[in-house]
Amino acid sequence: MPLNRPLGDKPHMRKGSLLRTVRAVAWSLIGLRKGSEYEQDVEKLNPLHIIVVGLIAVFLLVIGLIGLVNWIV
């Protein structure tokens, strides 16, 4: 393994925009995702950012569903 690897090779060193990460997580939650876009996300997005945004999205979804049920009942 060479020592002069580009930063893009290490997943935790990747630079991806917050908007792109939120879009990737949102489309993944809905279940609509193109294979080509998935490949681009794998190459460009930081896995730690995806995990954090995913946890926040799931939390907001649960809170929204609880609020909806309380509003209906």
Protein backbone atom coordinates (compact mmCIF):
# COMPACT_ATOMS: atom_id res chain seq x y z
CA MET A 1 0.00 0.00 0.00
CA PRO A 2 1.66 3.26 -1.10
CA LEU A 3 2.08 6.08 1.37
CA ASN A 4 1.24 8.80 -1.16
CA ARG A 5 -2.39 7.79 -1.69
CA PRO A 6 -4.82 10.57 -2.59
CA LEU A 7 -7.21 11.75 0.11
CA GLY A 8 -10.19 10.33 -1.79
CA ASP A 9 -9.00 6.78 -1.12
CA LYS A 10 -9.64 7.00 2.62
CA PRO A 11 -13.40 7.03 3.35
CA HIS A 12 -13.10 9.23 6.44
CA MET A 13 -11.08 11.84 4.51
CA ARG A 14 -13.58 12.33 1.68
CA LYS A 15 -15.10 15.76 1.21
CA GLY A 16 -18.77 15.67 0.30
CA SER A 17 -21.21 18.52 0.59
CA LEU A 18 -23.86 18.46 3.28
CA LEU A 19 -26.60 18.94 0.69
CA ARG A 20 -25.39 15.95 -1.33
CA THR A 21 -25.29 13.82 1.82
CA VAL A 22 -28.83 14.86 2.82
CA ARG A 23 -30.07 14.12 -0.71
CA ALA A 24 -28.42 10.68 -0.70
CA VAL A 25 -29.93 9.80 2.68
CA ALA A 26 -33.38 11.10 1.70
CA TRP A 27 -33.46 9.11 -1.54
CA SER A 28 -32.23 6.04 0.31
CA LEU A 29 -35.00 6.36 2.91
CA ILE A 30 -37.58 6.61 0.15
CA GLY A 31 -36.00 3.68 -1.67
CA LEU A 32 -35.55 5.40 -5.02
CA ARG A 33 -31.92 5.40 -6.05
CA LYS A 34 -30.13 5.08 -9.39
CA GLY A 35 -27.16 2.77 -9.50
CA SER A 36 -24.95 5.41 -11.09
CA GLU A 37 -25.76 7.97 -8.40
CA TYR A 38 -25.08 5.37 -5.72
CA GLU A 39 -21.63 4.73 -7.19
CA GLN A 40 -20.88 8.47 -7.21
CA ASP A 41 -21.97 8.76 -3.58
CA VAL A 42 -19.78 5.83 -2.56
CA GLU A 43 -16.79 7.55 -4.15
CA LYS A 44 -17.42 11.08 -2.86
CA LEU A 45 -19.32 11.05 0.44
CA ASN A 46 -17.86 10.55 3.88
CA PRO A 47 -19.41 7.48 5.57
CA LEU A 48 -19.43 9.19 8.96
CA HIS A 49 -21.47 12.07 7.55
CA ILE A 50 -23.93 9.61 6.03
CA ILE A 51 -24.38 7.85 9.38
CA VAL A 52 -24.93 11.12 11.26
CA VAL A 53 -27.38 12.50 8.68
CA GLY A 54 -29.16 9.13 8.56
CA LEU A 55 -29.62 9.03 12.33
CA ILE A 56 -30.93 12.59 12.35
CA ALA A 57 -33.34 11.78 9.48
CA VAL A 58 -34.67 8.68 11.25
CA PHE A 59 -35.07 10.66 14.48
CA LEU A 60 -37.01 13.39 12.67
CA LEU A 61 -39.16 10.77 10.93
CA VAL A 62 -40.06 9.11 14.25
CA ILE A 63 -40.80 12.46 15.90
CA GLY A 64 -42.95 13.43 12.91
CA LEU A 65 -44.91 10.19 13.06
CA ILE A 66 -45.46 10.55 16.80
CA GLY A 67 -46.68 14.11 16.25
CA LEU A 68 -48.99 12.99 13.46
CA VAL A 69 -50.51 10.22 15.60
CA ASN A 70 -51.01 12.59 18.54
CA TRP A 71 -52.62 15.15 16.23
CA ILE A 72 -55.01 12.56 14.75
CA VAL A 73 -55.91 10.96 18.11
